[in-house]
């Protein structure tokens, strides 16, 4: 499991759309699985789950991403999981790290 968090400034919808398109365009095996959206008193929160195939690990990995926003103040949290083929230990986490690096690179370009 790998985690990435960042504080951002900008439009919630534009940021969410940019990240969504960037994740899906970064890998032909990437897929958008589902989302949960909540808004109350001006605070917005969207949780999205993505999956993609990890060629390095030979399996699928998932990325759960949460974007919370209050006006133009945004907070992003993303956690990857899966990828290990071992039964009791996590031996290869290359796929998780690579998936998270895709998101990290997108955010750094904002």
C-alpha atoms as a PDB file:
ATOM      1  CA  UNK A   1       0.000   0.000   0.000  1.00  0.00           C
ATOM      2  CA  UNK A   2       1.201   3.464  -0.863  1.00  0.00           C
ATOM      3  CA  UNK A   3      -0.308   6.838   0.016  1.00  0.00           C
ATOM      4  CA  UNK A   4      -0.093  10.350  -1.403  1.00  0.00           C
ATOM      5  CA  UNK A   5      -1.697  13.502  -0.012  1.00  0.00           C
ATOM      6  CA  UNK A   6      -1.626  17.101  -1.175  1.00  0.00           C
ATOM      7  CA  UNK A   7      -3.238  20.455  -0.454  1.00  0.00           C
ATOM      8  CA  UNK A   8      -4.276  22.232  -3.631  1.00  0.00           C
ATOM      9  CA  UNK A   9      -5.975  25.430  -4.713  1.00  0.00           C
ATOM     10  CA  UNK A  10      -8.367  25.636  -7.627  1.00  0.00           C
ATOM     11  CA  UNK A  11     -11.787  24.754  -8.943  1.00  0.00           C
ATOM     12  CA  UNK A  12     -13.116  21.466  -7.538  1.00  0.00           C
ATOM     13  CA  UNK A  13     -14.790  20.311 -10.770  1.00  0.00           C
ATOM     14  CA  UNK A  14     -11.860  21.269 -13.005  1.00  0.00           C
ATOM     15  CA  UNK A  15      -9.374  19.530 -10.714  1.00  0.00           C
ATOM     16  CA  UNK A  16     -11.495  16.383 -10.470  1.00  0.00           C
ATOM     17  CA  UNK A  17     -11.945  16.258 -14.262  1.00  0.00           C
ATOM     18  CA  UNK A  18      -8.213  16.851 -14.885  1.00  0.00           C
ATOM     19  CA  UNK A  19      -7.169  14.049 -12.529  1.00  0.00           C
ATOM     20  CA  UNK A  20      -9.837  11.665 -13.857  1.00  0.00           C
ATOM     21  CA  UNK A  21      -8.830  12.163 -17.487  1.00  0.00           C
ATOM     22  CA  UNK A  22      -5.141  12.018 -16.621  1.00  0.00           C
ATOM     23  CA  UNK A  23      -5.443   8.684 -14.815  1.00  0.00           C
ATOM     24  CA  UNK A  24      -7.498   7.100 -17.597  1.00  0.00           C
ATOM     25  CA  UNK A  25      -5.235   8.444 -20.359  1.00  0.00           C
ATOM     26  CA  UNK A  26      -2.022   7.328 -18.648  1.00  0.00           C
ATOM     27  CA  UNK A  27      -2.667   3.612 -19.143  1.00  0.00           C
ATOM     28  CA  UNK A  28      -4.780   1.718 -21.655  1.00  0.00           C
ATOM     29  CA  UNK A  29      -5.689  -0.782 -18.927  1.00  0.00           C
ATOM     30  CA  UNK A  30      -6.874   1.909 -16.471  1.00  0.00           C
ATOM     31  CA  UNK A  31     -10.564   1.847 -15.619  1.00  0.00           C
ATOM     32  CA  UNK A  32     -12.881   3.961 -13.513  1.00  0.00           C
ATOM     33  CA  UNK A  33     -14.726   1.630 -11.138  1.00  0.00           C
ATOM     34  CA  UNK A  34     -17.110   3.802  -9.104  1.00  0.00           C
ATOM     35  CA  UNK A  35     -17.518   6.981  -7.103  1.00  0.00           C
ATOM     36  CA  UNK A  36     -19.269   8.430  -4.094  1.00  0.00           C
ATOM     37  CA  UNK A  37     -20.087  12.128  -3.937  1.00  0.00           C
ATOM     38  CA  UNK A  38     -21.242  14.259  -1.021  1.00  0.00           C
ATOM     39  CA  UNK A  39     -21.860  17.991  -0.553  1.00  0.00           C
ATOM     40  CA  UNK A  40     -22.956  19.877   2.556  1.00  0.00           C
ATOM     41  CA  UNK A  41     -22.751  23.550   3.518  1.00  0.00           C
ATOM     42  CA  UNK A  42     -20.370  24.325   0.666  1.00  0.00           C
ATOM     43  CA  UNK A  43     -17.957  21.483   1.418  1.00  0.00           C
ATOM     44  CA  UNK A  44     -17.641  18.914  -1.360  1.00  0.00           C
ATOM     45  CA  UNK A  45     -16.179  15.424  -1.243  1.00  0.00           C
ATOM     46  CA  UNK A  46     -15.719  12.884  -4.014  1.00  0.00           C
ATOM     47  CA  UNK A  47     -14.249   9.409  -3.572  1.00  0.00           C
ATOM     48  CA  UNK A  48     -13.290   7.566  -6.744  1.00  0.00           C
ATOM     49  CA  UNK A  49     -11.791   4.137  -7.299  1.00  0.00           C
ATOM     50  CA  UNK A  50      -9.653   3.254 -10.308  1.00  0.00           C
ATOM     51  CA  UNK A  51      -7.956   0.025 -11.365  1.00  0.00           C
ATOM     52  CA  UNK A  52      -5.260  -0.831 -13.838  1.00  0.00           C
ATOM     53  CA  UNK A  53      -3.133  -3.778 -14.837  1.00  0.00           C
ATOM     54  CA  UNK A  54       0.420  -3.790 -13.528  1.00  0.00           C
ATOM     55  CA  UNK A  55       2.733  -5.278 -16.144  1.00  0.00           C
ATOM     56  CA  UNK A  56       5.587  -5.341 -13.630  1.00  0.00           C
ATOM     57  CA  UNK A  57       3.596  -7.309 -11.074  1.00  0.00           C
ATOM     58  CA  UNK A  58       1.425  -9.278 -13.471  1.00  0.00           C
ATOM     59  CA  UNK A  59      -1.789  -8.336 -11.659  1.00  0.00           C
ATOM     60  CA  UNK A  60      -4.306  -5.534 -11.118  1.00  0.00           C
ATOM     61  CA  UNK A  61      -3.877  -2.683  -8.655  1.00  0.00           C
ATOM     62  CA  UNK A  62      -6.444  -0.210  -7.392  1.00  0.00           C
ATOM     63  CA  UNK A  63      -6.263   3.454  -6.480  1.00  0.00           C
ATOM     64  CA  UNK A  64      -8.801   5.027  -4.120  1.00  0.00           C
ATOM     65  CA  UNK A  65      -8.768   8.804  -4.466  1.00  0.00           C
ATOM     66  CA  UNK A  66     -10.593  11.340  -2.318  1.00  0.00           C
ATOM     67  CA  UNK A  67     -10.899  14.985  -3.271  1.00  0.00           C
ATOM     68  CA  UNK A  68     -12.382  17.312  -0.661  1.00  0.00           C
ATOM     69  CA  UNK A  69     -12.992  20.977  -1.240  1.00  0.00           C
ATOM     70  CA  UNK A  70     -14.160  24.084   0.560  1.00  0.00           C
ATOM     71  CA  UNK A  71     -14.271  26.869  -1.997  1.00  0.00           C
ATOM     72  CA  UNK A  72     -10.933  26.856  -3.812  1.00  0.00           C
ATOM     73  CA  UNK A  73      -9.120  25.070  -0.963  1.00  0.00           C
ATOM     74  CA  UNK A  74      -8.774  21.416  -1.921  1.00  0.00           C
ATOM     75  CA  UNK A  75      -7.343  18.359  -0.215  1.00  0.00           C
ATOM     76  CA  UNK A  76      -6.417  15.211  -2.136  1.00  0.00           C
ATOM     77  CA  UNK A  77      -5.749  11.833  -0.584  1.00  0.00           C
ATOM     78  CA  UNK A  78      -4.953   8.728  -2.628  1.00  0.00           C
ATOM     79  CA  UNK A  79      -4.160   5.193  -1.527  1.00  0.00           C
ATOM     80  CA  UNK A  80      -3.213   2.266  -3.747  1.00  0.00           C
ATOM     81  CA  UNK A  81      -3.650  -1.396  -2.945  1.00  0.00           C
ATOM     82  CA  UNK A  82      -3.279  -4.805  -4.516  1.00  0.00           C
ATOM     83  CA  UNK A  83      -0.400  -5.887  -6.643  1.00  0.00           C
ATOM     84  CA  UNK A  84       1.275  -8.351  -4.313  1.00  0.00           C
ATOM     85  CA  UNK A  85       1.219 -12.016  -5.227  1.00  0.00           C
ATOM     86  CA  UNK A  86       2.417 -13.327  -1.893  1.00  0.00           C
ATOM     87  CA  UNK A  87      -0.021 -14.865   0.565  1.00  0.00           C
ATOM     88  CA  UNK A  88       1.207 -13.368   3.851  1.00  0.00           C
ATOM     89  CA  UNK A  89       3.686 -10.611   2.896  1.00  0.00           C
ATOM     90  CA  UNK A  90       3.639  -7.797   0.391  1.00  0.00           C
ATOM     91  CA  UNK A  91       6.602  -8.634  -1.776  1.00  0.00           C
ATOM     92  CA  UNK A  92       6.118  -6.594  -4.919  1.00  0.00           C
ATOM     93  CA  UNK A  93       4.567  -3.173  -4.642  1.00  0.00           C
ATOM     94  CA  UNK A  94       5.935  -1.830  -7.941  1.00  0.00           C
ATOM     95  CA  UNK A  95       2.488  -1.627  -9.519  1.00  0.00           C
ATOM     96  CA  UNK A  96       1.047   0.282  -6.568  1.00  0.00           C
ATOM     97  CA  UNK A  97       3.909   2.763  -6.563  1.00  0.00           C
ATOM     98  CA  UNK A  98       3.733   3.262 -10.339  1.00  0.00           C
ATOM     99  CA  UNK A  99      -0.030   3.898 -10.200  1.00  0.00           C
ATOM    100  CA  UNK A 100       0.445   6.426  -7.417  1.00  0.00           C
ATOM    101  CA  UNK A 101       3.309   8.073  -9.310  1.00  0.00           C
ATOM    102  CA  UNK A 102       0.904   8.656 -12.210  1.00  0.00           C
ATOM    103  CA  UNK A 103      -1.344  10.666  -9.884  1.00  0.00           C
ATOM    104  CA  UNK A 104       1.568  12.443  -8.210  1.00  0.00           C
ATOM    105  CA  UNK A 105       2.896  13.609 -11.590  1.00  0.00           C
ATOM    106  CA  UNK A 106      -0.544  14.906 -12.595  1.00  0.00           C
ATOM    107  CA  UNK A 107      -0.867  16.876  -9.362  1.00  0.00           C
ATOM    108  CA  UNK A 108       2.619  18.352  -9.672  1.00  0.00           C
ATOM    109  CA  UNK A 109       1.642  19.752 -13.104  1.00  0.00           C
ATOM    110  CA  UNK A 110      -1.335  21.644 -11.636  1.00  0.00           C
END
